Amino acid sequence: MPPQITFFDCNCRIGRPAVCTERELSSTAELLAEMDRAGIACALVHHVLAREWSPARGNARLLAEIEGQGRLYPCFVGLPEATRELPPPREFAATVRERRGAVRLWPKEHQYTIAGWCMGETLAALAELAVPVLVDAAQIDWAGLSALLAEYPGLPVILLDTYYRIDRHIYPLWDRHNNLYLETTTYQVHRGIEAVVRRFGPERLVFGTNLPVLETGGPVAQIMYAEIPDADKTAIAGATLRRLLGA
């Protein structure tokens, strides 16, 4: 019988967004119930209020709601330092690292750029402590992603919400940068996981579901049915994310 594969989801949210659907997970209890149904052990979670309203208040709300939940890890929403909406960069980065969390960025949605003149102090502080940064593909172009990876080689960057036609962009980036990781959920290339594992190793891929926007079954099956060794499935399912978070 194959060994148990432990799943650690890098991409979940809680809270009620401005436009709700019947699939929303308003509380940690609802999220944990869905994780149990899907066989997911742990999750990195952000609060929808930090994206849609106030990163500072949403981050605080997140910490209050996941307090005491050993299976849920905080994903703080970050901002540039100039407007002083969040704690100073070094303090912010230290808090995230201490809580074994990560930082989610929405530069286009939140109206800023990740260029050094705008986001440099924050990114440098996060890179110094190797705090993982997560960003949707729609929030950053390939040239911007390349510049980010090159300028902050100590910064682990997890690219989320991609699509099946990215290999000609992401392969050259993987050839050049060791700090780029890809969420598997929407990377639906035929035998793409197998190809990435053969060429770059399983540590480049990180499991995620994008709960509650997407269902959990497909992302889990994508890993379980991949034609790769169980050790590689274990790395993708959760071991790499645990290492990045220090969890």
C-alpha atoms as a PDB file:
ATOM      1  CA  MET A   1       0.000   0.000   0.000  1.00  0.00           C
ATOM      2  CA  PRO A   2       1.462   3.450  -0.920  1.00  0.00           C
ATOM      3  CA  PRO A   3       2.496   5.795   1.880  1.00  0.00           C
ATOM      4  CA  GLN A   4       0.073   8.455   3.083  1.00  0.00           C
ATOM      5  CA  ILE A   5       0.466  11.688   1.127  1.00  0.00           C
ATOM      6  CA  THR A   6      -0.021  14.703   3.419  1.00  0.00           C
ATOM      7  CA  PHE A   7      -1.511  17.748   1.697  1.00  0.00           C
ATOM      8  CA  PHE A   8      -0.702  21.319   2.743  1.00  0.00           C
ATOM      9  CA  ASP A   9      -2.739  23.842   0.756  1.00  0.00           C
ATOM     10  CA  CYS A  10      -0.896  27.053  -0.163  1.00  0.00           C
ATOM     11  CA  ASN A  11      -3.960  28.946  -1.389  1.00  0.00           C
ATOM     12  CA  CYS A  12      -7.097  29.245   0.753  1.00  0.00           C
ATOM     13  CA  ARG A  13      -9.203  32.118   2.017  1.00  0.00           C
ATOM     14  CA  ILE A  14     -11.826  32.712   4.680  1.00  0.00           C
ATOM     15  CA  GLY A  15     -14.379  35.480   5.144  1.00  0.00           C
ATOM     16  CA  ARG A  16     -17.342  36.835   3.220  1.00  0.00           C
ATOM     17  CA  PRO A  17     -16.444  38.820   0.091  1.00  0.00           C
ATOM     18  CA  ALA A  18     -18.452  41.740  -1.235  1.00  0.00           C
ATOM     19  CA  VAL A  19     -19.994  39.446  -3.845  1.00  0.00           C
ATOM     20  CA  CYS A  20     -20.859  36.152  -2.181  1.00  0.00           C
ATOM     21  CA  THR A  21     -21.555  32.747  -3.653  1.00  0.00           C
ATOM     22  CA  GLU A  22     -22.977  29.676  -1.993  1.00  0.00           C
ATOM     23  CA  ARG A  23     -19.464  28.228  -1.770  1.00  0.00           C
ATOM     24  CA  GLU A  24     -18.019  30.873   0.561  1.00  0.00           C
ATOM     25  CA  LEU A  25     -16.161  29.681   3.666  1.00  0.00           C
ATOM     26  CA  SER A  26     -16.976  32.368   6.202  1.00  0.00           C
ATOM     27  CA  SER A  27     -15.312  30.765   9.207  1.00  0.00           C
ATOM     28  CA  THR A  28     -12.374  28.578  10.116  1.00  0.00           C
ATOM     29  CA  ALA A  29     -14.820  25.831  11.079  1.00  0.00           C
ATOM     30  CA  GLU A  30     -16.236  25.778   7.546  1.00  0.00           C
ATOM     31  CA  LEU A  31     -12.751  25.767   6.025  1.00  0.00           C
ATOM     32  CA  LEU A  32     -11.574  22.939   8.257  1.00  0.00           C
ATOM     33  CA  ALA A  33     -14.672  20.905   7.416  1.00  0.00           C
ATOM     34  CA  GLU A  34     -13.961  21.260   3.703  1.00  0.00           C
ATOM     35  CA  MET A  35     -10.305  20.372   4.255  1.00  0.00           C
ATOM     36  CA  ASP A  36     -11.363  17.250   6.157  1.00  0.00           C
ATOM     37  CA  ARG A  37     -13.709  16.257   3.342  1.00  0.00           C
ATOM     38  CA  ALA A  38     -10.861  16.549   0.832  1.00  0.00           C
ATOM     39  CA  GLY A  39      -8.151  14.980   2.992  1.00  0.00           C
ATOM     40  CA  ILE A  40      -6.119  18.180   3.323  1.00  0.00           C
ATOM     41  CA  ALA A  41      -4.116  18.355   6.548  1.00  0.00           C
ATOM     42  CA  CYS A  42      -3.053  22.028   6.688  1.00  0.00           C
ATOM     43  CA  ALA A  43      -3.563  25.278   4.817  1.00  0.00           C
ATOM     44  CA  LEU A  44      -2.015  28.691   4.312  1.00  0.00           C
ATOM     45  CA  VAL A  45      -4.926  31.111   4.633  1.00  0.00           C
ATOM     46  CA  HIS A  46      -5.622  34.766   3.888  1.00  0.00           C
ATOM     47  CA  HIS A  47      -8.707  36.755   4.886  1.00  0.00           C
ATOM     48  CA  VAL A  48     -10.889  38.211   2.148  1.00  0.00           C
ATOM     49  CA  LEU A  49     -11.144  41.504   4.062  1.00  0.00           C
ATOM     50  CA  ALA A  50      -7.399  42.000   3.665  1.00  0.00           C
ATOM     51  CA  ARG A  51      -7.836  41.855  -0.092  1.00  0.00           C
ATOM     52  CA  GLU A  52     -11.117  43.714  -0.534  1.00  0.00           C
ATOM     53  CA  TRP A  53     -11.087  46.241   2.303  1.00  0.00           C
ATOM     54  CA  SER A  54      -7.998  46.874   4.440  1.00  0.00           C
ATOM     55  CA  PRO A  55      -4.852  44.711   4.479  1.00  0.00           C
ATOM     56  CA  ALA A  56      -4.009  45.887   8.006  1.00  0.00           C
ATOM     57  CA  ARG A  57      -7.448  45.151   9.451  1.00  0.00           C
ATOM     58  CA  GLY A  58      -7.910  42.024   7.391  1.00  0.00           C
ATOM     59  CA  ASN A  59      -4.574  40.636   8.577  1.00  0.00           C
ATOM     60  CA  ALA A  60      -5.557  41.321  12.181  1.00  0.00           C
ATOM     61  CA  ARG A  61      -8.923  39.655  11.612  1.00  0.00           C
ATOM     62  CA  LEU A  62      -7.191  36.628  10.130  1.00  0.00           C
ATOM     63  CA  LEU A  63      -4.924  36.193  13.155  1.00  0.00           C
ATOM     64  CA  ALA A  64      -7.896  36.433  15.500  1.00  0.00           C
ATOM     65  CA  GLU A  65      -9.895  33.861  13.563  1.00  0.00           C
ATOM     66  CA  ILE A  66      -7.160  31.227  13.182  1.00  0.00           C
ATOM     67  CA  GLU A  67      -5.864  31.624  16.753  1.00  0.00           C
ATOM     68  CA  GLY A  68      -5.379  28.201  18.289  1.00  0.00           C
ATOM     69  CA  GLN A  69      -5.910  26.369  14.989  1.00  0.00           C
ATOM     70  CA  GLY A  70      -2.752  24.336  14.551  1.00  0.00           C
ATOM     71  CA  ARG A  71      -3.670  23.361  11.001  1.00  0.00           C
ATOM     72  CA  LEU A  72      -4.030  26.909   9.648  1.00  0.00           C
ATOM     73  CA  TYR A  73      -1.095  29.203   8.882  1.00  0.00           C
ATOM     74  CA  PRO A  74      -1.442  32.945   8.203  1.00  0.00           C
ATOM     75  CA  CYS A  75      -0.961  34.465   4.787  1.00  0.00           C
ATOM     76  CA  PHE A  76      -0.673  38.216   5.395  1.00  0.00           C
ATOM     77  CA  VAL A  77      -1.547  40.661   2.625  1.00  0.00           C
ATOM     78  CA  GLY A  78       1.353  43.029   1.975  1.00  0.00           C
ATOM     79  CA  LEU A  79       1.600  46.650   0.796  1.00  0.00           C
ATOM     80  CA  PRO A  80       4.352  49.168  -0.035  1.00  0.00           C
ATOM     81  CA  GLU A  81       5.992  50.808   2.947  1.00  0.00           C
ATOM     82  CA  ALA A  82       5.524  54.481   1.990  1.00  0.00           C
ATOM     83  CA  THR A  83       1.879  54.844   3.054  1.00  0.00           C
ATOM     84  CA  ARG A  84       2.595  53.249   6.455  1.00  0.00           C
ATOM     85  CA  GLU A  85      -0.581  51.191   6.443  1.00  0.00           C
ATOM     86  CA  LEU A  86       1.322  48.194   7.783  1.00  0.00           C
ATOM     87  CA  PRO A  87       4.108  47.936  10.374  1.00  0.00           C
ATOM     88  CA  PRO A  88       7.635  48.919   9.231  1.00  0.00           C
ATOM     89  CA  PRO A  89       9.078  46.373   6.766  1.00  0.00           C
ATOM     90  CA  ARG A  90      11.525  44.672   9.125  1.00  0.00           C
ATOM     91  CA  GLU A  91       8.920  44.415  11.865  1.00  0.00           C
ATOM     92  CA  PHE A  92       6.323  43.124   9.400  1.00  0.00           C
ATOM     93  CA  ALA A  93       8.696  40.512   7.974  1.00  0.00           C
ATOM     94  CA  ALA A  94       9.757  39.365  11.449  1.00  0.00           C
ATOM     95  CA  THR A  95       6.124  38.922  12.495  1.00  0.00           C
ATOM     96  CA  VAL A  96       5.318  36.856   9.427  1.00  0.00           C
ATOM     97  CA  ARG A  97       8.375  34.653   9.904  1.00  0.00           C
ATOM     98  CA  GLU A  98       7.703  34.216  13.625  1.00  0.00           C
ATOM     99  CA  ARG A  99       4.178  33.017  12.859  1.00  0.00           C
ATOM    100  CA  ARG A 100       5.457  30.664  10.135  1.00  0.00           C
ATOM    101  CA  GLY A 101       3.400  32.524   7.576  1.00  0.00           C
ATOM    102  CA  ALA A 102       3.703  34.036   4.115  1.00  0.00           C
ATOM    103  CA  VAL A 103       2.762  37.249   2.311  1.00  0.00           C
ATOM    104  CA  ARG A 104       0.243  37.623  -0.503  1.00  0.00           C
ATOM    105  CA  LEU A 105       0.567  40.531  -2.952  1.00  0.00           C
ATOM    106  CA  TRP A 106      -2.061  42.070  -5.252  1.00  0.00           C
ATOM    107  CA  PRO A 107      -0.044  44.906  -6.875  1.00  0.00           C
ATOM    108  CA  LYS A 108      -2.478  45.649  -9.709  1.00  0.00           C
ATOM    109  CA  GLU A 109      -5.598  45.332  -7.577  1.00  0.00           C
ATOM    110  CA  HIS A 110      -4.131  47.420  -4.752  1.00  0.00           C
ATOM    111  CA  GLN A 111      -2.646  50.023  -7.100  1.00  0.00           C
ATOM    112  CA  TYR A 112       1.124  49.812  -6.636  1.00  0.00           C
ATOM    113  CA  THR A 113       4.178  48.378  -8.355  1.00  0.00           C
ATOM    114  CA  ILE A 114       6.677  45.838  -7.060  1.00  0.00           C
ATOM    115  CA  ALA A 115       9.530  47.947  -8.468  1.00  0.00           C
ATOM    116  CA  GLY A 116      12.224  48.807  -5.948  1.00  0.00           C
ATOM    117  CA  TRP A 117      11.332  52.507  -5.738  1.00  0.00           C
ATOM    118  CA  CYS A 118       7.873  51.534  -4.463  1.00  0.00           C
ATOM    119  CA  MET A 119       8.141  48.127  -2.762  1.00  0.00           C
ATOM    120  CA  GLY A 120      11.882  47.750  -2.272  1.00  0.00           C
ATOM    121  CA  GLU A 121      12.179  48.032   1.510  1.00  0.00           C
ATOM    122  CA  THR A 122       9.391  45.535   2.095  1.00  0.00           C
ATOM    123  CA  LEU A 123      10.695  43.024  -0.437  1.00  0.00           C
ATOM    124  CA  ALA A 124      14.244  43.323   0.899  1.00  0.00           C
ATOM    125  CA  ALA A 125      13.047  42.691   4.465  1.00  0.00           C
ATOM    126  CA  LEU A 126      11.027  39.654   3.367  1.00  0.00           C
ATOM    127  CA  ALA A 127      13.966  38.317   1.341  1.00  0.00           C
ATOM    128  CA  GLU A 128      16.337  38.724   4.274  1.00  0.00           C
ATOM    129  CA  LEU A 129      14.187  36.327   6.317  1.00  0.00           C
ATOM    130  CA  ALA A 130      13.249  34.149   3.303  1.00  0.00           C
ATOM    131  CA  VAL A 131       9.538  34.802   3.841  1.00  0.00           C
ATOM    132  CA  PRO A 132       7.533  33.257   0.987  1.00  0.00           C
ATOM    133  CA  VAL A 133       5.641  35.687  -1.239  1.00  0.00           C
ATOM    134  CA  LEU A 134       2.595  34.593  -3.222  1.00  0.00           C
ATOM    135  CA  VAL A 135       1.294  36.462  -6.257  1.00  0.00           C
ATOM    136  CA  ASP A 136      -1.325  35.684  -8.899  1.00  0.00           C
ATOM    137  CA  ALA A 137      -0.159  35.499 -12.499  1.00  0.00           C
ATOM    138  CA  ALA A 138      -2.700  38.189 -13.407  1.00  0.00           C
ATOM    139  CA  GLN A 139      -1.092  40.592 -10.919  1.00  0.00           C
ATOM    140  CA  ILE A 140       2.418  40.573 -12.408  1.00  0.00           C
ATOM    141  CA  ASP A 141       3.802  40.329 -15.940  1.00  0.00           C
ATOM    142  CA  TRP A 142       6.621  37.981 -16.896  1.00  0.00           C
ATOM    143  CA  ALA A 143       9.210  40.744 -17.160  1.00  0.00           C
ATOM    144  CA  GLY A 144       8.258  42.012 -13.720  1.00  0.00           C
ATOM    145  CA  LEU A 145       8.433  38.513 -12.277  1.00  0.00           C
ATOM    146  CA  SER A 146      11.873  37.974 -13.825  1.00  0.00           C
ATOM    147  CA  ALA A 147      13.136  41.247 -12.350  1.00  0.00           C
ATOM    148  CA  LEU A 148      11.727  40.372  -8.924  1.00  0.00           C
ATOM    149  CA  LEU A 149      13.407  36.958  -8.878  1.00  0.00           C
ATOM    150  CA  ALA A 150      16.730  38.410  -9.993  1.00  0.00           C
ATOM    151  CA  GLU A 151      16.770  41.355  -7.584  1.00  0.00           C
ATOM    152  CA  TYR A 152      15.797  39.287  -4.523  1.00  0.00           C
ATOM    153  CA  PRO A 153      17.297  35.798  -4.956  1.00  0.00           C
ATOM    154  CA  GLY A 154      16.622  35.008  -1.303  1.00  0.00           C
ATOM    155  CA  LEU A 155      12.897  35.647  -1.707  1.00  0.00           C
ATOM    156  CA  PRO A 156      10.806  32.510  -2.367  1.00  0.00           C
ATOM    157  CA  VAL A 157       8.074  33.466  -4.867  1.00  0.00           C
ATOM    158  CA  ILE A 158       5.058  31.194  -5.413  1.00  0.00           C
ATOM    159  CA  LEU A 159       3.180  31.970  -8.621  1.00  0.00           C
ATOM    160  CA  LEU A 160      -0.560  31.295  -8.343  1.00  0.00           C
ATOM    161  CA  ASP A 161      -3.546  31.007 -10.655  1.00  0.00           C
ATOM    162  CA  THR A 162      -1.692  30.309 -13.890  1.00  0.00           C
ATOM    163  CA  TYR A 163      -2.949  28.383 -16.925  1.00  0.00           C
ATOM    164  CA  TYR A 164      -1.859  25.631 -19.285  1.00  0.00           C
ATOM    165  CA  ARG A 165       0.152  27.726 -21.755  1.00  0.00           C
ATOM    166  CA  ILE A 166       2.999  29.047 -19.613  1.00  0.00           C
ATOM    167  CA  ASP A 167       5.877  26.626 -20.214  1.00  0.00           C
ATOM    168  CA  ARG A 168       7.706  28.881 -22.692  1.00  0.00           C
ATOM    169  CA  HIS A 169       7.735  31.599 -20.047  1.00  0.00           C
ATOM    170  CA  ILE A 170       8.253  29.669 -16.842  1.00  0.00           C
ATOM    171  CA  TYR A 171      10.886  27.191 -18.069  1.00  0.00           C
ATOM    172  CA  PRO A 172      13.412  29.953 -18.852  1.00  0.00           C
ATOM    173  CA  LEU A 173      12.714  31.485 -15.436  1.00  0.00           C
ATOM    174  CA  TRP A 174      13.291  28.130 -13.728  1.00  0.00           C
ATOM    175  CA  ASP A 175      16.543  27.757 -15.677  1.00  0.00           C
ATOM    176  CA  ARG A 176      17.752  31.072 -14.236  1.00  0.00           C
ATOM    177  CA  HIS A 177      16.199  31.314 -10.762  1.00  0.00           C
ATOM    178  CA  ASN A 178      16.063  28.879  -7.865  1.00  0.00           C
ATOM    179  CA  ASN A 179      13.522  30.940  -5.905  1.00  0.00           C
ATOM    180  CA  LEU A 180      10.496  30.450  -8.183  1.00  0.00           C
ATOM    181  CA  TYR A 181       7.723  28.006  -7.268  1.00  0.00           C
ATOM    182  CA  LEU A 182       4.468  27.206  -9.060  1.00  0.00           C
ATOM    183  CA  GLU A 183       1.082  26.370  -7.561  1.00  0.00           C
ATOM    184  CA  THR A 184      -0.229  23.229  -9.246  1.00  0.00           C
ATOM    185  CA  THR A 185      -3.983  23.905  -9.173  1.00  0.00           C
ATOM    186  CA  THR A 186      -4.464  25.591 -12.536  1.00  0.00           C
ATOM    187  CA  TYR A 187      -1.283  24.320 -14.167  1.00  0.00           C
ATOM    188  CA  GLN A 188      -3.241  21.849 -16.272  1.00  0.00           C
ATOM    189  CA  VAL A 189      -0.665  20.901 -18.863  1.00  0.00           C
ATOM    190  CA  HIS A 190      -1.013  17.313 -20.091  1.00  0.00           C
ATOM    191  CA  ARG A 191       1.677  15.427 -18.148  1.00  0.00           C
ATOM    192  CA  GLY A 192       3.066  18.826 -17.218  1.00  0.00           C
ATOM    193  CA  ILE A 193       3.776  17.847 -13.627  1.00  0.00           C
ATOM    194  CA  GLU A 194       5.766  14.850 -14.806  1.00  0.00           C
ATOM    195  CA  ALA A 195       7.762  17.015 -17.215  1.00  0.00           C
ATOM    196  CA  VAL A 196       8.580  19.597 -14.553  1.00  0.00           C
ATOM    197  CA  VAL A 197       9.658  16.913 -12.089  1.00  0.00           C
ATOM    198  CA  ARG A 198      11.937  15.278 -14.659  1.00  0.00           C
ATOM    199  CA  ARG A 199      13.646  18.506 -15.655  1.00  0.00           C
ATOM    200  CA  PHE A 200      13.590  20.698 -12.546  1.00  0.00           C
ATOM    201  CA  GLY A 201      12.656  18.412  -9.641  1.00  0.00           C
ATOM    202  CA  PRO A 202       9.471  18.206  -7.542  1.00  0.00           C
ATOM    203  CA  GLU A 203      10.503  21.073  -5.250  1.00  0.00           C
ATOM    204  CA  ARG A 204       9.460  23.620  -7.921  1.00  0.00           C
ATOM    205  CA  LEU A 205       5.783  22.693  -7.508  1.00  0.00           C
ATOM    206  CA  VAL A 206       3.499  23.499  -4.559  1.00  0.00           C
ATOM    207  CA  PHE A 207       0.007  22.137  -4.004  1.00  0.00           C
ATOM    208  CA  GLY A 208      -2.910  24.560  -3.726  1.00  0.00           C
ATOM    209  CA  THR A 209      -6.672  24.574  -4.278  1.00  0.00           C
ATOM    210  CA  ASN A 210      -7.839  28.214  -4.340  1.00  0.00           C
ATOM    211  CA  LEU A 211     -10.624  27.339  -1.915  1.00  0.00           C
ATOM    212  CA  PRO A 212     -13.450  28.315  -1.963  1.00  0.00           C
ATOM    213  CA  VAL A 213     -13.258  29.572  -5.557  1.00  0.00           C
ATOM    214  CA  LEU A 214     -12.396  26.119  -6.925  1.00  0.00           C
ATOM    215  CA  GLU A 215     -13.188  22.583  -5.842  1.00  0.00           C
ATOM    216  CA  THR A 216     -10.655  20.452  -3.983  1.00  0.00           C
ATOM    217  CA  GLY A 217     -11.028  17.119  -5.766  1.00  0.00           C
ATOM    218  CA  GLY A 218      -9.291  18.063  -8.999  1.00  0.00           C
ATOM    219  CA  PRO A 219      -6.139  19.531  -7.416  1.00  0.00           C
ATOM    220  CA  VAL A 220      -5.774  16.528  -5.105  1.00  0.00           C
ATOM    221  CA  ALA A 221      -6.277  14.042  -7.947  1.00  0.00           C
ATOM    222  CA  GLN A 222      -3.776  15.963 -10.076  1.00  0.00           C
ATOM    223  CA  ILE A 223      -1.050  15.046  -7.594  1.00  0.00           C
ATOM    224  CA  MET A 224      -2.239  11.575  -6.612  1.00  0.00           C
ATOM    225  CA  TYR A 225      -2.535  10.363 -10.206  1.00  0.00           C
ATOM    226  CA  ALA A 226       0.648  11.955 -11.502  1.00  0.00           C
ATOM    227  CA  GLU A 227       3.098   9.387 -12.871  1.00  0.00           C
ATOM    228  CA  ILE A 228       5.902  10.306 -10.480  1.00  0.00           C
ATOM    229  CA  PRO A 229       7.402   8.570  -7.422  1.00  0.00           C
ATOM    230  CA  ASP A 230       5.556   8.830  -4.110  1.00  0.00           C
ATOM    231  CA  ALA A 231       8.476  10.783  -2.665  1.00  0.00           C
ATOM    232  CA  ASP A 232       7.940  13.450  -5.339  1.00  0.00           C
ATOM    233  CA  LYS A 233       4.192  13.521  -4.631  1.00  0.00           C
ATOM    234  CA  THR A 234       4.987  14.045  -0.957  1.00  0.00           C
ATOM    235  CA  ALA A 235       7.246  16.990  -1.790  1.00  0.00           C
ATOM    236  CA  ILE A 236       4.645  18.658  -4.005  1.00  0.00           C
ATOM    237  CA  ALA A 237       1.704  17.928  -1.709  1.00  0.00           C
ATOM    238  CA  GLY A 238       3.202  19.625   1.296  1.00  0.00           C
ATOM    239  CA  ALA A 239       6.840  19.005   2.180  1.00  0.00           C
ATOM    240  CA  THR A 240       8.205  21.902   0.100  1.00  0.00           C
ATOM    241  CA  LEU A 241       5.694  24.391   1.521  1.00  0.00           C
ATOM    242  CA  ARG A 242       6.467  23.232   5.059  1.00  0.00           C
ATOM    243  CA  ARG A 243      10.140  23.830   4.427  1.00  0.00           C
ATOM    244  CA  LEU A 244       9.515  27.322   3.056  1.00  0.00           C
ATOM    245  CA  LEU A 245       7.341  28.260   6.030  1.00  0.00           C
ATOM    246  CA  GLY A 246       9.518  26.548   8.629  1.00  0.00           C
ATOM    247  CA  ALA A 247       6.379  24.681   9.709  1.00  0.00           C
END
